């Protein structure tokens, strides 16, 4: 069976693409949304409340940063490696 951890080579390629690739904003938003959405659904289905609280906190923080980024995107775009750091 495979491990849940990504391989070092795929992390390096992903990091380079986020730094230099076209569409880095889309890829960055998919990483910040797709996996957490999947894990949030799993957390809702579990009987534990701690994971629900943790993922609810994630979504609140994600939402606040997304709204802030919407208004400051024209300025943030000029910072090198912004999407890799995000």
N, C-alpha and C. Protein backbone atom coordinates (compact mmCIF):
# COMPACT_ATOMS: atom_id res chain seq x y z
N UNK A 1 0.83 -1.19 0.00
CA UNK A 1 0.00 0.00 0.00
C UNK A 1 0.87 1.25 0.00
N UNK A 2 0.39 2.28 -0.66
CA UNK A 2 1.13 3.54 -0.76
C UNK A 2 1.04 4.37 0.50
N UNK A 3 1.99 5.23 0.64
CA UNK A 3 2.03 6.14 1.77
C UNK A 3 1.23 7.40 1.44
N UNK A 4 0.72 8.06 2.46
CA UNK A 4 -0.03 9.30 2.27
C UNK A 4 0.91 10.48 2.04
N UNK A 5 2.19 10.31 2.34
CA UNK A 5 3.15 11.39 2.17
C UNK A 5 3.60 11.50 0.72
N UNK A 6 3.72 12.74 0.21
CA UNK A 6 4.20 12.88 -1.18
C UNK A 6 5.67 12.54 -1.29
N UNK A 7 6.09 12.15 -2.47
CA UNK A 7 7.49 11.83 -2.71
C UNK A 7 8.30 13.12 -2.84
N UNK A 8 9.56 13.10 -2.42
CA UNK A 8 10.38 14.31 -2.47
C UNK A 8 10.50 14.91 -3.88
N UNK A 9 10.58 14.06 -4.90
CA UNK A 9 10.69 14.55 -6.27
C UNK A 9 9.45 15.31 -6.70
N UNK A 10 8.27 14.81 -6.32
CA UNK A 10 7.04 15.50 -6.71
C UNK A 10 6.90 16.82 -5.96
N UNK A 11 7.37 16.89 -4.73
CA UNK A 11 7.34 18.14 -3.97
C UNK A 11 8.27 19.16 -4.62
N UNK A 12 9.44 18.72 -5.10
CA UNK A 12 10.39 19.63 -5.75
C UNK A 12 9.82 20.17 -7.05
N UNK A 13 9.22 19.31 -7.85
CA UNK A 13 8.62 19.74 -9.12
C UNK A 13 7.48 20.72 -8.86
N UNK A 14 6.66 20.41 -7.88
CA UNK A 14 5.55 21.28 -7.52
C UNK A 14 6.06 22.64 -7.04
N UNK A 15 7.12 22.65 -6.25
CA UNK A 15 7.70 23.90 -5.77
C UNK A 15 8.27 24.74 -6.90
N UNK A 16 8.95 24.10 -7.85
CA UNK A 16 9.48 24.84 -9.01
C UNK A 16 8.35 25.40 -9.87
N UNK A 17 7.31 24.62 -10.05
CA UNK A 17 6.19 25.11 -10.86
C UNK A 17 5.52 26.29 -10.18
N UNK A 18 5.36 26.23 -8.86
CA UNK A 18 4.76 27.35 -8.14
C UNK A 18 5.63 28.59 -8.23
N UNK A 19 6.93 28.41 -8.31
CA UNK A 19 7.84 29.56 -8.38
C UNK A 19 7.89 30.16 -9.78
N UNK A 20 7.88 29.33 -10.81
CA UNK A 20 8.13 29.82 -12.16
C UNK A 20 7.02 29.52 -13.17
N UNK A 21 6.06 28.71 -12.84
CA UNK A 21 5.09 28.23 -13.81
C UNK A 21 3.94 29.16 -14.07
N UNK A 22 3.36 29.00 -15.24
CA UNK A 22 2.16 29.72 -15.62
C UNK A 22 0.98 29.06 -14.93
N UNK A 23 0.12 29.84 -14.35
CA UNK A 23 -1.03 29.27 -13.65
C UNK A 23 -0.72 28.90 -12.22
N UNK A 24 0.32 29.50 -11.64
CA UNK A 24 0.69 29.18 -10.26
C UNK A 24 -0.42 29.55 -9.29
N UNK A 25 -1.16 30.60 -9.58
CA UNK A 25 -2.26 31.01 -8.70
C UNK A 25 -3.33 29.92 -8.65
N UNK A 26 -3.68 29.37 -9.80
CA UNK A 26 -4.68 28.30 -9.84
C UNK A 26 -4.20 27.08 -9.08
N UNK A 27 -2.97 26.67 -9.32
CA UNK A 27 -2.43 25.50 -8.64
C UNK A 27 -2.37 25.72 -7.13
N UNK A 28 -1.95 26.90 -6.73
CA UNK A 28 -1.86 27.22 -5.31
C UNK A 28 -3.24 27.17 -4.65
N UNK A 29 -4.24 27.70 -5.32
CA UNK A 29 -5.59 27.68 -4.77
C UNK A 29 -6.18 26.27 -4.73
N UNK A 30 -5.84 25.44 -5.71
CA UNK A 30 -6.30 24.06 -5.68
C UNK A 30 -5.69 23.29 -4.51
N UNK A 31 -4.41 23.53 -4.26
CA UNK A 31 -3.75 22.86 -3.14
C UNK A 31 -4.36 23.33 -1.82
N UNK A 32 -4.66 24.59 -1.73
CA UNK A 32 -5.23 25.13 -0.50
C UNK A 32 -6.70 24.82 -0.33
N UNK A 33 -7.36 24.30 -1.38
CA UNK A 33 -8.78 24.03 -1.29
C UNK A 33 -9.15 22.56 -1.43
N UNK A 34 -8.59 21.87 -2.41
CA UNK A 34 -9.03 20.51 -2.72
C UNK A 34 -8.73 19.51 -1.59
N UNK A 35 -7.49 19.45 -1.15
CA UNK A 35 -7.15 18.51 -0.08
C UNK A 35 -7.85 18.85 1.23
N UNK A 36 -7.84 20.12 1.66
CA UNK A 36 -8.57 20.44 2.89
C UNK A 36 -10.08 20.15 2.79
N UNK A 37 -10.67 20.33 1.62
CA UNK A 37 -12.09 20.01 1.46
C UNK A 37 -12.32 18.52 1.67
N UNK A 38 -11.46 17.69 1.09
CA UNK A 38 -11.58 16.24 1.25
C UNK A 38 -11.44 15.84 2.72
N UNK A 39 -10.42 16.37 3.39
CA UNK A 39 -10.19 16.01 4.79
C UNK A 39 -11.30 16.57 5.68
N UNK A 40 -11.87 17.71 5.32
CA UNK A 40 -12.98 18.28 6.10
C UNK A 40 -14.20 17.38 6.03
N UNK A 41 -14.47 16.83 4.86
CA UNK A 41 -15.60 15.90 4.73
C UNK A 41 -15.37 14.66 5.58
N UNK A 42 -14.14 14.15 5.55
CA UNK A 42 -13.80 12.99 6.40
C UNK A 42 -13.97 13.34 7.88
N UNK A 43 -13.59 14.56 8.27
CA UNK A 43 -13.71 14.98 9.67
C UNK A 43 -15.17 15.08 10.08
N UNK A 44 -16.02 15.56 9.20
CA UNK A 44 -17.45 15.66 9.51
C UNK A 44 -18.05 14.28 9.71
N UNK A 45 -17.60 13.32 8.92
CA UNK A 45 -18.13 11.96 9.01
C UNK A 45 -17.63 11.21 10.25
N UNK A 46 -16.54 11.66 10.86
CA UNK A 46 -16.02 10.99 12.06
C UNK A 46 -16.82 11.41 13.28
N UNK A 47 -16.68 10.65 14.34
CA UNK A 47 -17.42 10.95 15.57
C UNK A 47 -16.71 11.97 16.46
N UNK A 48 -15.45 12.25 16.20
CA UNK A 48 -14.67 13.18 17.00
C UNK A 48 -15.02 14.62 16.67
N UNK A 49 -15.09 15.47 17.68
CA UNK A 49 -15.38 16.89 17.48
C UNK A 49 -14.11 17.72 17.33
N UNK A 50 -12.97 17.20 17.79
CA UNK A 50 -11.72 17.97 17.72
C UNK A 50 -11.30 18.24 16.28
N UNK A 51 -11.42 17.24 15.41
CA UNK A 51 -11.04 17.45 14.02
C UNK A 51 -12.01 18.39 13.32
N UNK A 52 -13.29 18.36 13.72
CA UNK A 52 -14.26 19.30 13.15
C UNK A 52 -13.87 20.73 13.49
N UNK A 53 -13.48 20.96 14.73
CA UNK A 53 -13.07 22.30 15.17
C UNK A 53 -11.82 22.76 14.45
N UNK A 54 -10.86 21.87 14.28
CA UNK A 54 -9.62 22.22 13.60
C UNK A 54 -9.88 22.63 12.15
N UNK A 55 -10.70 21.86 11.45
CA UNK A 55 -10.96 22.18 10.04
C UNK A 55 -11.88 23.38 9.89
N UNK A 56 -12.78 23.61 10.83
CA UNK A 56 -13.59 24.82 10.79
C UNK A 56 -12.70 26.05 10.97
N UNK A 57 -11.73 25.94 11.86
CA UNK A 57 -10.77 27.03 12.05
C UNK A 57 -9.98 27.26 10.76
N UNK A 58 -9.56 26.20 10.10
CA UNK A 58 -8.84 26.33 8.83
C UNK A 58 -9.67 27.11 7.82
N UNK A 59 -10.95 26.76 7.68
CA UNK A 59 -11.78 27.40 6.66
C UNK A 59 -12.05 28.87 6.99
N UNK A 60 -12.17 29.20 8.26
CA UNK A 60 -12.35 30.60 8.63
C UNK A 60 -11.10 31.41 8.27
N UNK A 61 -9.93 30.88 8.62
CA UNK A 61 -8.67 31.57 8.31
C UNK A 61 -8.48 31.64 6.79
N UNK A 62 -8.77 30.56 6.09
CA UNK A 62 -8.67 30.54 4.62
C UNK A 62 -9.57 31.61 4.00
N UNK A 63 -10.78 31.72 4.51
CA UNK A 63 -11.71 32.71 4.00
C UNK A 63 -11.24 34.14 4.23
N UNK A 64 -10.72 34.41 5.42
CA UNK A 64 -10.23 35.75 5.74
C UNK A 64 -9.07 36.12 4.82
N UNK A 65 -8.13 35.19 4.65
CA UNK A 65 -7.00 35.46 3.77
C UNK A 65 -7.43 35.58 2.31
N UNK A 66 -8.42 34.83 1.88
CA UNK A 66 -8.89 34.93 0.50
C UNK A 66 -9.52 36.29 0.23
N UNK A 67 -10.31 36.78 1.18
CA UNK A 67 -10.91 38.10 1.01
C UNK A 67 -9.83 39.18 1.02
N UNK A 68 -8.88 39.09 1.94
CA UNK A 68 -7.78 40.07 1.99
C UNK A 68 -6.96 40.02 0.71
N UNK A 69 -6.72 38.83 0.19
CA UNK A 69 -5.94 38.69 -1.04
C UNK A 69 -6.69 39.27 -2.24
N UNK A 70 -8.00 39.16 -2.25
CA UNK A 70 -8.79 39.70 -3.34
C UNK A 70 -8.55 41.21 -3.48
N UNK A 71 -8.50 41.90 -2.36
CA UNK A 71 -8.34 43.35 -2.39
C UNK A 71 -6.89 43.78 -2.58
N UNK A 72 -5.95 42.94 -2.25
CA UNK A 72 -4.54 43.33 -2.37
C UNK A 72 -3.80 42.56 -3.46
N UNK A 73 -4.51 41.88 -4.32
CA UNK A 73 -3.90 41.03 -5.32
C UNK A 73 -3.01 41.80 -6.29
N UNK A 74 -3.39 43.02 -6.65
CA UNK A 74 -2.58 43.78 -7.59
C UNK A 74 -1.22 44.13 -7.01
N UNK A 75 -1.14 44.28 -5.70
CA UNK A 75 0.15 44.56 -5.06
C UNK A 75 0.94 43.28 -4.80
N UNK A 76 0.26 42.24 -4.38
CA UNK A 76 0.95 40.98 -4.05
C UNK A 76 1.52 40.30 -5.29
N UNK A 77 0.93 40.53 -6.44
CA UNK A 77 1.38 39.91 -7.68
C UNK A 77 2.83 40.26 -8.00
N UNK A 78 3.28 41.41 -7.57
CA UNK A 78 4.62 41.87 -7.90
C UNK A 78 5.71 41.27 -7.02
N UNK A 79 5.35 40.60 -5.93
CA UNK A 79 6.35 39.98 -5.06
C UNK A 79 6.82 38.66 -5.69
N UNK A 80 8.13 38.51 -5.85
CA UNK A 80 8.64 37.25 -6.42
C UNK A 80 8.36 36.08 -5.46
N UNK A 81 8.05 34.96 -6.01
CA UNK A 81 7.79 33.72 -5.26
C UNK A 81 6.61 33.85 -4.31
N UNK A 82 5.66 34.73 -4.63
CA UNK A 82 4.49 34.92 -3.75
C UNK A 82 3.70 33.62 -3.61
N UNK A 83 3.40 32.97 -4.74
CA UNK A 83 2.57 31.77 -4.68
C UNK A 83 3.29 30.58 -4.07
N UNK A 84 4.59 30.53 -4.19
CA UNK A 84 5.36 29.46 -3.53
C UNK A 84 5.32 29.66 -2.03
N UNK A 85 5.41 30.90 -1.58
CA UNK A 85 5.33 31.19 -0.14
C UNK A 85 3.94 31.03 0.42
N UNK A 86 2.96 31.32 -0.40
CA UNK A 86 1.57 31.20 0.05
C UNK A 86 1.26 29.75 0.34
